[in-house]
N, C-alpha and C. Protein backbone atom coordinates (compact mmCIF):
# COMPACT_ATOMS: atom_id res chain seq x y z
N MET A 1 32.58 -3.93 10.28
CA MET A 1 31.84 -4.57 9.84
C MET A 1 32.16 -6.00 8.48
N TYR A 2 31.75 -6.92 8.83
CA TYR A 2 32.63 -7.69 7.81
C TYR A 2 31.39 -8.13 6.70
N ASN A 3 31.85 -8.39 5.23
CA ASN A 3 31.00 -8.30 4.30
C ASN A 3 30.35 -10.29 4.59
N ASP A 4 29.38 -10.58 3.07
CA ASP A 4 29.06 -11.29 3.48
C ASP A 4 29.93 -12.92 3.23
N ASP A 5 30.96 -12.52 2.33
CA ASP A 5 31.56 -14.50 2.03
C ASP A 5 31.85 -14.72 4.04
N TYR A 6 32.69 -13.51 4.61
CA TYR A 6 33.35 -13.36 5.67
C TYR A 6 32.30 -14.66 6.06
N TYR A 7 30.78 -14.34 6.22
CA TYR A 7 29.59 -14.68 7.70
C TYR A 7 29.46 -16.34 6.73
N LEU A 8 29.38 -16.61 5.39
CA LEU A 8 28.98 -17.48 4.06
C LEU A 8 30.40 -18.82 5.29
N HIS A 9 31.39 -17.97 5.17
CA HIS A 9 32.73 -18.55 5.81
C HIS A 9 32.76 -19.36 6.60
N GLN A 10 32.36 -18.62 8.28
CA GLN A 10 31.67 -18.59 9.56
C GLN A 10 30.45 -20.03 9.63
N LEU A 11 30.01 -19.72 8.59
CA LEU A 11 28.42 -20.17 8.92
C LEU A 11 28.72 -21.92 7.94
N LYS A 12 29.68 -22.24 7.56
CA LYS A 12 30.28 -23.22 6.18
C LYS A 12 30.72 -23.60 7.79
N LYS A 13 31.17 -23.88 8.46
CA LYS A 13 32.31 -23.91 9.83
C LYS A 13 31.33 -24.35 11.29
N GLY A 14 29.66 -23.81 11.07
CA GLY A 14 28.89 -24.50 11.72
C GLY A 14 28.35 -23.02 12.78
N SER A 15 29.08 -21.70 12.13
CA SER A 15 28.75 -21.05 13.38
C SER A 15 27.49 -20.59 13.66
N LEU A 16 26.63 -20.69 14.59
CA LEU A 16 25.98 -20.35 14.51
C LEU A 16 25.68 -18.70 15.24
N SER A 17 26.43 -17.71 15.24
CA SER A 17 26.59 -16.48 15.62
C SER A 17 26.74 -15.84 13.81
N ALA A 18 27.62 -16.49 13.10
CA ALA A 18 27.02 -16.41 12.01
C ALA A 18 26.04 -16.12 11.66
N LEU A 19 24.73 -17.04 11.59
CA LEU A 19 23.73 -17.44 11.02
C LEU A 19 23.07 -16.06 11.42
N ASP A 20 23.19 -15.87 12.54
CA ASP A 20 22.31 -14.90 13.57
C ASP A 20 22.63 -13.44 12.79
N VAL A 21 23.67 -12.86 12.88
CA VAL A 21 24.28 -12.33 12.07
C VAL A 21 23.61 -11.59 10.41
N LEU A 22 23.90 -12.91 10.05
CA LEU A 22 22.91 -12.63 8.24
C LEU A 22 21.15 -12.63 8.73
N PHE A 23 20.90 -13.57 10.16
CA PHE A 23 19.22 -13.18 9.76
C PHE A 23 19.23 -11.63 10.43
N ARG A 24 19.84 -10.98 10.60
CA ARG A 24 19.84 -10.18 11.96
C ARG A 24 19.65 -8.74 10.66
N ARG A 25 20.96 -9.42 9.64
CA ARG A 25 20.93 -8.16 8.62
C ARG A 25 19.94 -8.26 7.09
N TYR A 26 19.57 -9.67 6.76
CA TYR A 26 18.24 -9.52 5.76
C TYR A 26 16.93 -9.79 6.51
N ARG A 27 16.70 -10.11 7.70
CA ARG A 27 15.07 -10.36 7.94
C ARG A 27 14.53 -9.72 7.72
N ASP A 28 14.79 -8.08 7.70
CA ASP A 28 13.12 -7.12 7.51
C ASP A 28 13.25 -6.92 5.97
N ASP A 29 14.01 -7.14 4.90
CA ASP A 29 14.58 -7.49 3.69
C ASP A 29 13.16 -7.93 2.79
N LEU A 30 14.22 -9.92 3.44
CA LEU A 30 12.75 -10.28 2.99
C LEU A 30 11.82 -10.64 3.83
N LEU A 31 11.59 -10.51 4.68
CA LEU A 31 9.86 -10.16 5.16
C LEU A 31 9.02 -9.67 4.46
N ARG A 32 9.62 -7.86 4.23
CA ARG A 32 8.52 -7.21 2.87
C ARG A 32 8.96 -8.20 1.61
N PHE A 33 9.62 -8.16 1.15
CA PHE A 33 9.23 -8.93 0.13
C PHE A 33 8.09 -10.19 0.13
N ALA A 34 8.56 -10.60 0.99
CA ALA A 34 7.47 -11.57 1.22
C ALA A 34 6.68 -11.77 1.34
N PHE A 35 5.64 -10.68 2.55
CA PHE A 35 5.05 -10.18 2.30
C PHE A 35 3.83 -9.62 1.46
N TYR A 36 5.18 -8.82 0.27
CA TYR A 36 4.71 -8.56 -0.65
C TYR A 36 4.11 -9.73 -1.83
N LEU A 37 4.91 -10.93 -1.82
CA LEU A 37 4.46 -12.45 -2.31
C LEU A 37 3.14 -12.74 -1.73
N ALA A 38 3.40 -12.92 -0.35
CA ALA A 38 2.39 -13.71 -0.17
C ALA A 38 0.34 -12.64 -0.15
N LYS A 39 1.30 -11.43 0.91
CA LYS A 39 -0.26 -10.83 1.15
C LYS A 39 -0.33 -11.10 2.33
N ASP A 40 0.72 -12.23 3.47
CA ASP A 40 0.08 -12.50 4.52
C ASP A 40 1.34 -12.66 5.59
N PRO A 41 1.20 -11.79 6.83
CA PRO A 41 2.40 -11.55 7.53
C PRO A 41 2.85 -12.65 7.83
N GLU A 42 2.03 -13.81 8.69
CA GLU A 42 1.53 -14.98 8.92
C GLU A 42 2.74 -15.96 7.67
N MET A 43 1.89 -16.04 6.42
CA MET A 43 3.14 -17.26 5.54
C MET A 43 4.12 -15.92 5.20
N ALA A 44 4.31 -14.30 5.64
CA ALA A 44 5.86 -14.09 4.81
C ALA A 44 6.77 -14.70 5.70
N GLU A 45 6.33 -14.25 7.18
CA GLU A 45 7.32 -15.01 8.39
C GLU A 45 7.70 -16.39 8.37
N ASP A 46 6.66 -17.50 8.14
CA ASP A 46 7.39 -18.63 7.97
C ASP A 46 8.16 -18.80 6.68
N ILE A 47 7.79 -18.27 5.23
CA ILE A 47 8.81 -18.83 4.56
C ILE A 47 9.90 -17.80 4.30
N VAL A 48 10.15 -16.55 5.47
CA VAL A 48 12.23 -15.94 5.75
C VAL A 48 12.26 -17.10 6.87
N GLN A 49 11.60 -17.78 7.81
CA GLN A 49 12.17 -18.73 8.91
C GLN A 49 12.21 -20.09 7.91
N ASP A 50 11.28 -20.10 7.00
CA ASP A 50 12.44 -21.28 6.44
C ASP A 50 13.43 -21.24 5.06
N VAL A 51 13.78 -19.74 4.71
CA VAL A 51 14.67 -19.43 4.13
C VAL A 51 16.44 -19.52 4.83
N PHE A 52 15.76 -19.08 6.29
CA PHE A 52 17.59 -19.26 7.54
C PHE A 52 17.17 -20.56 7.82
N VAL A 53 16.17 -21.75 7.90
CA VAL A 53 16.65 -22.77 8.45
C VAL A 53 17.49 -23.17 6.35
N ASN A 54 16.74 -23.60 5.44
CA ASN A 54 17.75 -23.87 4.44
C ASN A 54 19.28 -23.37 4.30
N LEU A 55 19.27 -22.83 5.19
CA LEU A 55 20.97 -22.20 4.93
C LEU A 55 21.65 -22.57 6.22
N TRP A 56 21.18 -22.95 6.91
CA TRP A 56 21.56 -23.53 8.26
C TRP A 56 22.21 -25.47 7.92
N GLU A 57 21.12 -25.77 6.60
CA GLU A 57 20.99 -26.65 6.79
C GLU A 57 21.57 -27.18 5.54
N ASN A 58 21.64 -26.14 4.43
CA ASN A 58 22.43 -26.69 3.48
C ASN A 58 24.25 -25.58 3.44
N ARG A 59 24.35 -25.85 4.72
CA ARG A 59 25.41 -24.23 5.05
C ARG A 59 26.55 -25.12 3.99
N ARG A 60 27.06 -26.65 3.91
CA ARG A 60 28.30 -26.79 3.37
C ARG A 60 28.45 -26.86 1.91
N ASN A 61 27.21 -26.83 1.94
CA ASN A 61 27.04 -25.97 0.16
C ASN A 61 26.91 -24.88 -0.44
N LEU A 62 27.55 -24.03 0.09
CA LEU A 62 26.41 -22.31 -0.31
C LEU A 62 28.40 -22.71 -0.85
N ALA A 63 28.30 -21.98 -1.92
CA ALA A 63 29.23 -21.23 -2.35
C ALA A 63 29.57 -19.66 -1.99
N SER A 64 30.79 -18.88 -2.49
CA SER A 64 31.23 -18.02 -1.38
C SER A 64 30.50 -16.86 -2.94
N ARG A 65 29.88 -15.87 -2.64
CA ARG A 65 29.92 -14.82 -3.03
C ARG A 65 30.20 -13.44 -2.05
N LYS A 66 29.94 -12.03 -2.34
CA LYS A 66 30.07 -11.27 -2.18
C LYS A 66 29.03 -10.43 -1.71
N SER A 67 27.71 -10.82 -2.51
CA SER A 67 26.21 -9.81 -1.34
C SER A 67 25.33 -11.17 -1.03
N LEU A 68 25.39 -11.46 -0.32
CA LEU A 68 24.25 -12.54 -0.37
C LEU A 68 22.49 -12.30 -0.55
N LYS A 69 21.98 -11.47 -0.61
CA LYS A 69 20.76 -10.91 -0.79
C LYS A 69 20.64 -11.28 -2.11
N PRO A 70 20.93 -11.39 -2.90
CA PRO A 70 20.01 -11.73 -3.94
C PRO A 70 19.83 -13.05 -4.02
N TYR A 71 20.81 -14.07 -3.89
CA TYR A 71 20.40 -15.53 -3.64
C TYR A 71 19.35 -15.56 -2.28
N LEU A 72 19.60 -15.04 -1.08
CA LEU A 72 18.62 -15.26 -0.03
C LEU A 72 17.00 -14.74 -0.91
N ILE A 73 16.74 -13.39 -1.80
CA ILE A 73 15.72 -12.72 -2.28
C ILE A 73 14.86 -14.42 -3.32
N ARG A 74 16.21 -14.73 -3.81
CA ARG A 74 15.78 -16.32 -4.47
C ARG A 74 15.14 -16.91 -4.30
N ILE A 75 15.05 -17.45 -2.57
CA ILE A 75 15.29 -18.62 -1.48
C ILE A 75 13.92 -18.08 -1.43
N VAL A 76 13.42 -17.14 -0.99
CA VAL A 76 12.03 -16.50 -0.47
C VAL A 76 11.14 -16.61 -1.89
N SER A 77 11.41 -16.20 -2.83
CA SER A 77 10.57 -16.46 -4.30
C SER A 77 10.39 -18.04 -4.66
N ASN A 78 11.35 -18.61 -4.76
CA ASN A 78 11.04 -20.01 -4.94
C ASN A 78 10.32 -20.95 -3.58
N GLY A 79 10.68 -20.49 -2.65
CA GLY A 79 9.43 -20.71 -0.93
C GLY A 79 8.23 -20.61 -1.93
N TYR A 80 7.87 -19.45 -1.79
CA TYR A 80 6.47 -18.79 -2.29
C TYR A 80 5.99 -19.21 -3.30
N MET A 81 6.95 -19.65 -4.30
CA MET A 81 6.50 -20.44 -5.49
C MET A 81 6.09 -22.27 -5.37
N ASP A 82 6.84 -22.67 -4.22
CA ASP A 82 6.39 -23.80 -3.72
C ASP A 82 5.17 -24.07 -2.87
N LEU A 83 4.87 -23.06 -1.69
CA LEU A 83 3.76 -22.67 -1.12
C LEU A 83 2.56 -22.45 -2.95
N CYS A 84 2.68 -21.83 -3.67
CA CYS A 84 1.78 -20.95 -4.44
C CYS A 84 1.13 -23.10 -5.11
N ARG A 85 1.92 -23.79 -5.59
CA ARG A 85 1.82 -24.75 -6.28
C ARG A 85 1.26 -26.65 -5.70
N LYS A 86 1.69 -25.71 -3.88
CA LYS A 86 1.02 -26.88 -2.89
C LYS A 86 -0.55 -26.48 -2.64
N GLY A 87 -0.38 -25.04 -3.14
CA GLY A 87 -2.11 -24.58 -2.78
C GLY A 87 -2.48 -24.26 -1.07
N LYS A 88 -0.94 -23.94 -0.83
CA LYS A 88 -1.39 -23.88 1.17
C LYS A 88 -1.19 -22.60 1.17
N ILE A 89 -1.23 -21.01 -0.07
CA ILE A 89 -1.28 -19.67 0.08
C ILE A 89 -3.24 -19.78 0.37
N ARG A 90 -4.16 -20.28 -0.47
CA ARG A 90 -5.05 -20.21 -0.77
C ARG A 90 -5.51 -21.03 0.18
N GLU A 91 -5.18 -22.16 0.67
CA GLU A 91 -6.39 -22.57 1.53
C GLU A 91 -5.25 -22.21 2.95
N LYS A 92 -4.73 -21.88 3.73
CA LYS A 92 -4.08 -21.24 4.33
C LYS A 92 -5.22 -19.62 4.97
N PHE A 93 -5.48 -18.96 3.82
CA PHE A 93 -6.37 -17.89 3.06
C PHE A 93 -7.70 -17.96 3.22
N CYS A 94 -8.30 -18.71 2.95
CA CYS A 94 -9.64 -19.62 2.45
C CYS A 94 -9.77 -20.05 5.07
N THR A 95 -8.71 -20.83 4.86
CA THR A 95 -9.24 -21.36 6.80
C THR A 95 -9.68 -20.13 7.67
N HIS A 96 -7.95 -19.68 6.97
CA HIS A 96 -8.51 -18.02 8.34
C HIS A 96 -9.97 -17.42 8.35
N TYR A 97 -10.30 -17.53 7.15
CA TYR A 97 -10.85 -16.14 5.77
C TYR A 97 -12.63 -16.89 6.67
N ARG A 98 -12.34 -18.32 6.86
CA ARG A 98 -13.95 -19.11 7.08
C ARG A 98 -13.68 -19.25 8.76
N GLN A 99 -13.09 -19.36 9.26
CA GLN A 99 -12.59 -19.76 10.83
C GLN A 99 -13.23 -18.03 11.57
N ASN A 100 -12.58 -17.35 10.61
CA ASN A 100 -13.10 -15.90 11.45
C ASN A 100 -14.63 -15.22 11.41
N PHE A 101 -15.18 -16.38 9.98
CA PHE A 101 -16.64 -15.36 10.17
C PHE A 101 -17.57 -16.27 10.84
N ASP A 102 -17.10 -17.68 10.75
CA ASP A 102 -17.60 -18.57 11.68
C ASP A 102 -17.60 -18.39 13.58
N GLY A 103 -17.00 -17.72 13.68
CA GLY A 103 -17.05 -16.26 15.34
C GLY A 103 -15.88 -17.08 16.41
N VAL A 104 -15.35 -18.49 15.61
CA VAL A 104 -13.97 -18.53 16.45
C VAL A 104 -13.27 -17.46 17.15
N SER A 105 -13.06 -17.96 18.29
CA SER A 105 -12.31 -17.07 19.60
C SER A 105 -11.00 -15.99 18.33
N TYR A 106 -10.54 -14.60 18.76
CA TYR A 106 -9.68 -14.18 18.71
C TYR A 106 -8.42 -14.52 19.84
N GLU A 107 -7.33 -14.14 19.01
CA GLU A 107 -6.41 -14.29 20.16
C GLU A 107 -6.11 -13.17 21.10
N ASN A 108 -6.30 -11.54 20.26
CA ASN A 108 -6.54 -10.91 20.85
C ASN A 108 -7.68 -9.87 20.97
N THR A 109 -7.22 -8.16 21.61
CA THR A 109 -8.37 -7.71 21.46
C THR A 109 -8.15 -6.65 19.86
N GLU A 110 -7.21 -6.84 20.23
CA GLU A 110 -6.02 -6.42 18.85
C GLU A 110 -6.57 -6.57 17.29
N SER A 111 -6.54 -7.97 17.61
CA SER A 111 -6.55 -8.54 16.21
C SER A 111 -7.71 -8.73 16.14
N LYS A 112 -8.78 -9.12 17.13
CA LYS A 112 -10.69 -8.54 16.41
C LYS A 112 -10.55 -7.27 15.65
N VAL A 113 -10.46 -6.47 16.53
CA VAL A 113 -10.57 -4.95 15.80
C VAL A 113 -9.74 -5.00 14.12
N ARG A 114 -8.92 -5.16 14.17
CA ARG A 114 -8.53 -5.29 12.91
C ARG A 114 -8.66 -6.13 12.32
N PHE A 115 -9.09 -7.79 12.35
CA PHE A 115 -9.69 -8.41 11.40
C PHE A 115 -11.37 -7.69 11.17
N ASN A 116 -12.21 -7.27 12.23
CA ASN A 116 -13.54 -6.37 11.99
C ASN A 116 -13.03 -5.59 10.39
N GLU A 117 -11.90 -4.51 11.10
CA GLU A 117 -11.93 -3.85 9.89
C GLU A 117 -11.87 -3.91 8.85
N LEU A 118 -11.16 -4.70 8.42
CA LEU A 118 -10.64 -5.29 7.39
C LEU A 118 -12.07 -5.92 6.83
N ASN A 119 -12.31 -6.83 7.49
CA ASN A 119 -13.69 -7.21 6.95
C ASN A 119 -15.07 -6.52 6.14
N THR A 120 -15.11 -5.15 7.12
CA THR A 120 -15.54 -4.13 6.97
C THR A 120 -15.64 -3.57 5.42
N GLN A 121 -14.15 -3.58 5.10
CA GLN A 121 -13.65 -2.86 4.38
C GLN A 121 -13.79 -3.74 2.90
N VAL A 122 -14.08 -4.78 3.01
CA VAL A 122 -13.80 -6.10 2.03
C VAL A 122 -15.21 -6.26 1.82
N GLN A 123 -16.12 -6.66 2.67
CA GLN A 123 -17.92 -6.04 2.55
C GLN A 123 -18.25 -4.95 1.65
N SER A 124 -17.73 -4.18 1.97
CA SER A 124 -18.36 -2.87 1.51
C SER A 124 -17.60 -2.52 -0.42
N VAL A 125 -16.44 -3.59 -0.45
CA VAL A 125 -15.44 -3.40 -1.76
C VAL A 125 -16.60 -4.89 -2.56
N LEU A 126 -16.84 -5.32 -1.99
CA LEU A 126 -17.93 -6.49 -2.91
C LEU A 126 -19.03 -5.97 -2.73
N GLU A 127 -19.49 -5.42 -2.12
CA GLU A 127 -20.96 -4.77 -2.46
C GLU A 127 -20.84 -3.77 -4.13
N GLU A 128 -19.67 -3.07 -3.80
CA GLU A 128 -19.80 -2.59 -5.13
C GLU A 128 -19.37 -2.89 -6.47
N LEU A 129 -19.24 -4.60 -6.30
CA LEU A 129 -18.99 -4.81 -7.19
C LEU A 129 -20.53 -5.66 -7.97
N SER A 130 -20.55 -6.16 -9.20
CA SER A 130 -21.59 -6.47 -10.02
C SER A 130 -21.96 -8.05 -9.37
N PRO A 131 -23.17 -8.13 -9.57
CA PRO A 131 -23.34 -9.85 -8.90
C PRO A 131 -22.65 -10.35 -9.88
N GLN A 132 -22.66 -10.34 -10.79
CA GLN A 132 -21.65 -11.80 -11.15
C GLN A 132 -19.90 -11.96 -10.91
N GLN A 133 -19.68 -10.49 -10.79
CA GLN A 133 -18.43 -10.32 -10.31
C GLN A 133 -18.00 -10.83 -8.53
N ARG A 134 -18.93 -10.54 -8.06
CA ARG A 134 -19.02 -10.81 -6.15
C ARG A 134 -19.73 -12.57 -6.24
N LYS A 135 -20.44 -12.85 -6.94
CA LYS A 135 -20.11 -14.49 -7.42
C LYS A 135 -18.96 -15.40 -7.79
N VAL A 136 -18.02 -15.39 -8.07
CA VAL A 136 -17.65 -15.68 -8.78
C VAL A 136 -15.85 -15.41 -7.63
N PHE A 137 -15.90 -14.06 -7.07
CA PHE A 137 -14.68 -14.11 -6.71
C PHE A 137 -14.93 -14.82 -5.44
N VAL A 138 -16.26 -14.47 -4.44
CA VAL A 138 -16.11 -15.79 -3.66
C VAL A 138 -16.46 -16.62 -3.54
N LYS A 139 -16.94 -17.11 -4.84
CA LYS A 139 -16.74 -18.89 -5.31
C LYS A 139 -15.44 -19.12 -5.56
N ILE A 140 -14.33 -18.34 -6.04
CA ILE A 140 -12.65 -18.73 -6.39
C ILE A 140 -11.57 -18.56 -5.02
N LYS A 141 -12.18 -17.44 -5.04
CA LYS A 141 -11.31 -16.91 -3.45
C LYS A 141 -11.39 -17.13 -2.23
N LEU A 142 -12.69 -17.45 -1.74
CA LEU A 142 -13.26 -17.92 -0.18
C LEU A 142 -13.62 -18.90 -0.23
N GLU A 143 -14.35 -19.64 -1.56
CA GLU A 143 -14.54 -21.05 -1.45
C GLU A 143 -13.94 -22.25 -1.97
N GLY A 144 -12.88 -21.79 -2.73
CA GLY A 144 -11.72 -22.08 -3.30
C GLY A 144 -11.98 -23.02 -4.56
N MET A 145 -13.29 -22.83 -5.17
CA MET A 145 -13.32 -23.63 -6.21
C MET A 145 -12.79 -23.19 -7.37
N ARG A 146 -12.74 -24.07 -8.33
CA ARG A 146 -11.87 -23.47 -9.75
C ARG A 146 -12.53 -22.56 -10.40
N HIS A 147 -11.99 -22.37 -10.91
CA HIS A 147 -12.78 -21.94 -12.53
C HIS A 147 -13.97 -22.13 -13.34
N ARG A 148 -13.55 -23.36 -13.63
CA ARG A 148 -13.74 -24.62 -14.69
C ARG A 148 -15.55 -25.22 -13.92
N GLU A 149 -15.77 -24.78 -12.64
CA GLU A 149 -16.65 -25.31 -11.66
C GLU A 149 -17.46 -24.45 -11.24
N VAL A 150 -17.05 -22.72 -11.11
CA VAL A 150 -17.67 -21.86 -10.96
C VAL A 150 -18.50 -21.86 -12.69
N ALA A 151 -17.34 -22.29 -13.54
CA ALA A 151 -18.19 -21.66 -14.96
C ALA A 151 -19.49 -22.83 -15.13
N GLU A 152 -19.34 -24.07 -14.76
CA GLU A 152 -20.29 -25.02 -14.86
C GLU A 152 -21.42 -24.15 -14.12
N GLU A 153 -21.79 -23.98 -13.19
CA GLU A 153 -22.71 -23.51 -11.75
C GLU A 153 -23.23 -22.66 -12.31
N MET A 154 -22.85 -21.50 -13.12
CA MET A 154 -23.33 -20.54 -13.22
C MET A 154 -23.79 -20.32 -15.06
N GLY A 155 -23.47 -21.32 -15.54
CA GLY A 155 -24.01 -21.84 -17.03
C GLY A 155 -23.19 -20.69 -18.02
N VAL A 156 -21.93 -20.32 -17.94
CA VAL A 156 -21.06 -19.27 -18.32
C VAL A 156 -19.34 -19.48 -18.71
N SER A 157 -18.72 -19.42 -19.95
CA SER A 157 -17.81 -19.65 -20.47
C SER A 157 -16.99 -19.70 -18.92
N ILE A 158 -15.81 -20.28 -19.05
CA ILE A 158 -14.39 -20.02 -18.00
C ILE A 158 -14.16 -18.61 -18.36
N LYS A 159 -13.75 -18.82 -19.66
CA LYS A 159 -13.60 -17.07 -20.43
C LYS A 159 -14.18 -15.73 -19.73
N THR A 160 -15.82 -15.75 -19.88
CA THR A 160 -16.01 -15.19 -18.47
C THR A 160 -16.00 -15.02 -17.67
N VAL A 161 -16.01 -16.55 -16.55
CA VAL A 161 -15.65 -16.64 -15.40
C VAL A 161 -14.55 -15.73 -15.59
N GLU A 162 -13.73 -15.76 -16.17
CA GLU A 162 -12.02 -15.25 -15.66
C GLU A 162 -12.11 -13.78 -15.96
N GLY A 163 -12.84 -13.15 -16.73
CA GLY A 163 -13.65 -11.66 -16.74
C GLY A 163 -13.47 -11.06 -16.26
N HIS A 164 -14.30 -12.01 -15.52
CA HIS A 164 -15.51 -11.37 -14.19
C HIS A 164 -14.42 -11.74 -13.02
N LEU A 165 -13.62 -12.26 -12.95
CA LEU A 165 -12.88 -12.35 -12.23
C LEU A 165 -11.43 -11.50 -12.13
N THR A 166 -11.12 -11.17 -13.06
CA THR A 166 -10.35 -10.42 -13.36
C THR A 166 -10.52 -8.52 -12.66
N LEU A 167 -11.64 -8.23 -13.48
CA LEU A 167 -12.53 -7.15 -12.63
C LEU A 167 -12.35 -7.58 -11.50
N ALA A 168 -13.28 -7.85 -10.66
CA ALA A 168 -13.07 -8.11 -9.59
C ALA A 168 -12.05 -8.23 -8.67
N GLN A 169 -10.93 -8.93 -8.69
CA GLN A 169 -9.73 -8.90 -8.34
C GLN A 169 -9.12 -7.04 -8.76
N ARG A 170 -9.16 -6.89 -9.69
CA ARG A 170 -8.59 -5.35 -10.11
C ARG A 170 -9.17 -4.20 -8.89
N LYS A 171 -10.52 -4.23 -8.79
CA LYS A 171 -11.55 -3.56 -8.05
C LYS A 171 -11.08 -3.79 -6.78
N MET A 172 -11.26 -5.29 -5.84
CA MET A 172 -10.51 -5.21 -4.57
C MET A 172 -8.87 -4.56 -4.29
N ARG A 173 -8.03 -4.99 -5.52
CA ARG A 173 -6.56 -3.85 -5.27
C ARG A 173 -6.87 -3.24 -5.34
N SER A 174 -7.44 -2.06 -5.83
CA SER A 174 -7.47 -0.62 -6.21
C SER A 174 -7.94 0.35 -4.23
N GLU A 175 -9.56 -0.59 -4.28
CA GLU A 175 -9.93 -0.48 -2.94
C GLU A 175 -9.15 0.07 -1.92
N LEU A 176 -8.49 -1.41 -1.71
CA LEU A 176 -7.74 -1.42 -0.97
C LEU A 176 -6.48 -1.96 -0.31
N LYS A 177 -6.36 -0.69 -1.80
CA LYS A 177 -4.65 -0.85 -1.72
C LYS A 177 -4.24 -0.54 -0.15
N ASP A 178 -4.51 1.19 -0.11
CA ASP A 178 -3.91 1.62 1.18
C ASP A 178 -3.87 1.55 2.94
N TYR A 179 -5.63 0.64 2.69
CA TYR A 179 -5.67 0.22 3.32
C TYR A 179 -5.50 -1.30 4.41
N ALA A 180 -4.57 -2.18 3.01
CA ALA A 180 -3.96 -2.45 3.19
C ALA A 180 -2.28 -2.98 3.67
N LEU A 181 -2.00 -1.55 2.98
CA LEU A 181 -0.86 -0.80 3.73
C LEU A 181 -0.91 -0.57 5.16
N LYS A 182 -1.64 0.22 5.39
CA LYS A 182 -1.23 0.39 6.94
C LYS A 182 -1.41 -0.58 7.87
N LEU A 183 -2.86 -1.95 7.35
CA LEU A 183 -2.67 -2.16 8.37
C LEU A 183 -1.25 -3.61 8.38
N ALA A 184 -0.41 -3.91 7.40
CA ALA A 184 0.45 -4.29 7.64
C ALA A 184 1.36 -3.90 7.80
N MET A 185 1.64 -2.45 8.26
CA MET A 185 2.74 -1.79 8.86
C MET A 185 2.25 -1.61 10.74
N SER A 186 1.06 -1.32 10.67
CA SER A 186 0.26 -1.86 11.94
C SER A 186 0.78 -3.29 12.40
N MET A 187 1.18 -4.14 11.95
CA MET A 187 1.15 -5.87 12.39
C MET A 187 2.93 -5.93 12.03
N LEU A 188 3.51 -5.24 11.55
CA LEU A 188 5.10 -4.82 11.42
C LEU A 188 5.43 -4.79 12.94
N LEU A 189 4.46 -3.42 12.87
CA LEU A 189 4.92 -2.71 13.98
C LEU A 189 4.95 -2.91 15.82
N ILE A 190 3.56 -3.51 15.82
CA ILE A 190 3.25 -4.20 16.78
C ILE A 190 3.75 -6.07 16.81
N SER A 191 4.40 -6.34 15.90
CA SER A 191 5.04 -7.79 16.39
C SER A 191 6.47 -7.49 16.58
């Protein structure tokens, strides 16, 4: 088995098979990292695909390196940050969430079951939040409102809104951690 530098050299020459080897070598690790950042399997897949498209498109400018993994991890991280700056991650989550709640058809029964389970878990945790925490969480995370807008609507300071949001997110993460891991693993095994 050759090292990364060999495949980078082949990639610079335009070898698609070298790209394929690197893709197979690093795809799973990059997907796990992208999912850790984005918390969305589709978004993680998109980010990783963009990494390899970027690698192919910039192959002539690649520097030699013994290990490509740190470089690819950095590209994943930068790709995620670009999406955050563009607001794509929140927008995608909100759109997906609204579509499913509005009764848009599901791709298959398995997706419907997974979504219904997740929805039940989220609703359960939402019910455990204080009314203020619940309102702030829904307005900011699901409806996409800004902190300032929520503060004005509720007649409280932005710091109060941030405090409610922090507590709500902490509770959500704590309560959904195990479920999200099981869901992610099942989705990776299915696809």
